Protein backbone atom coordinates (compact mmCIF):
# COMPACT_ATOMS: atom_id res chain seq x y z
CA MET A 1 5.62 33.28 20.24
CA SER A 2 7.31 34.22 23.34
CA GLU A 3 10.55 36.76 22.16
CA ASP A 4 11.84 35.98 25.93
CA PHE A 5 13.28 32.79 25.05
CA GLY A 6 14.64 33.63 21.55
CA SER A 7 13.84 31.77 18.38
CA ASP A 8 11.61 28.30 18.15
CA PHE A 9 12.61 26.08 15.29
CA VAL A 10 10.97 23.10 13.41
CA THR A 11 11.96 20.77 11.14
CA ILE A 12 10.09 19.37 8.59
CA ILE A 13 10.31 16.78 5.87
CA ASP A 14 9.05 17.55 2.51
CA ASP A 15 7.33 14.30 0.04
CA GLU A 16 10.88 13.97 -1.40
CA GLY A 17 12.40 13.49 2.35
CA ASN A 18 14.60 16.32 1.71
CA GLU A 19 15.09 17.72 5.51
CA PHE A 20 14.29 21.83 5.62
CA GLU A 21 14.62 24.03 9.21
CA LEU A 22 12.33 26.99 9.75
CA GLU A 23 12.17 29.63 11.88
CA VAL A 24 8.64 29.94 13.31
CA ILE A 25 7.30 33.95 12.64
CA GLU A 26 3.99 34.50 13.46
CA SER A 27 0.77 31.90 13.54
CA MET A 28 -2.89 32.78 13.23
CA ASP A 29 -6.23 31.49 13.12
CA TYR A 30 -8.26 32.43 9.83
CA ASN A 31 -11.56 31.28 8.58
CA GLY A 32 -11.72 28.27 10.86
CA HIS A 33 -8.03 26.92 10.16
CA SER A 34 -4.83 28.11 11.91
CA TYR A 35 -1.75 29.04 9.44
CA MET A 36 2.05 29.20 10.23
CA ALA A 37 4.55 31.96 8.76
CA PHE A 38 7.93 30.02 8.61
CA LEU A 39 11.62 32.28 7.49
CA PRO A 40 14.05 29.39 6.32
CA ALA A 41 16.39 29.01 9.05
CA ASP A 42 19.39 27.45 6.72
CA MET A 43 18.97 29.29 3.71
CA SER A 44 20.91 32.74 3.02
CA GLU A 45 18.67 35.94 2.34
CA ASP A 46 20.73 36.37 -0.63
CA ASP A 47 18.89 33.38 -2.01
CA PRO A 48 16.38 33.72 -4.77
CA ASP A 49 14.20 31.18 -3.23
CA TYR A 50 14.29 32.71 0.37
CA GLY A 51 10.99 34.15 1.54
CA PHE A 52 8.10 33.50 3.76
CA VAL A 53 6.70 29.93 4.15
CA LEU A 54 3.47 29.54 4.80
CA LEU A 55 1.88 26.34 6.21
CA ARG A 56 -1.73 24.95 7.07
CA VAL A 57 -1.38 23.60 10.57
CA VAL A 58 -3.82 20.14 10.52
CA GLU A 59 -4.27 17.56 13.02
CA ASP A 60 -3.77 13.82 11.71
CA GLU A 61 -5.53 11.00 12.90
CA ASN A 62 -3.50 10.25 15.81
CA GLY A 63 -4.27 14.37 17.19
CA ASP A 64 -0.69 15.55 15.73
CA GLU A 65 -0.32 18.74 15.09
CA VAL A 66 1.00 18.27 11.18
CA PHE A 67 1.76 21.31 8.18
CA GLU A 68 0.50 20.67 4.80
CA SER A 69 0.85 23.29 1.84
CA ILE A 70 -1.84 25.84 0.91
CA ASP A 71 -2.21 24.79 -2.69
CA ASP A 72 -5.40 27.28 -3.10
CA GLU A 73 -4.13 30.21 -5.21
CA ASP A 74 -6.81 32.46 -3.60
CA GLU A 75 -6.93 30.73 -0.10
CA LEU A 76 -2.38 31.24 -0.12
CA GLN A 77 -2.41 34.62 -1.41
CA ASP A 78 -5.56 35.67 1.04
CA VAL A 79 -3.23 33.84 4.05
CA TYR A 80 0.32 35.98 2.91
CA GLU A 81 -1.82 39.75 2.95
CA ARG A 82 -2.97 38.42 6.50
CA PHE A 83 0.21 37.73 7.57
CA MET A 84 1.42 41.08 6.38
CA VAL A 85 -1.28 43.07 8.33
CA LEU A 86 -0.67 41.12 10.92
CA LEU A 87 3.55 41.43 11.08
CA TYR A 88 3.98 44.81 9.59
CA ASP A 89 1.11 46.56 10.60
CA ASP A 90 2.60 47.77 14.00
CA GLU A 91 5.71 49.09 12.10
CA GLU A 92 4.10 51.31 10.27
CA ASP A 93 1.66 52.86 13.19
CA GLU A 94 5.24 53.39 15.34
CA THR A 95 6.68 55.72 12.60
């Protein structure tokens, strides 16, 4: 993601047809998969549901990239921990 042009946003639609706007925070490749970390763009930081949204990036049958949830709890925890290191490790080095 290029900081030169500001934040990137995507709109996703869940299985029930609800639209959500997400701000792209970071992406990474891990264990042969691509993942992206987002924050809700249309939700207050004070909302108890506010927090990182982690999704796996896959190609559909047309070759387009689509997002899917990470249903395996161990995989989700592992990806979350790797994103935390990626996002916050630099901050710890600066102190």
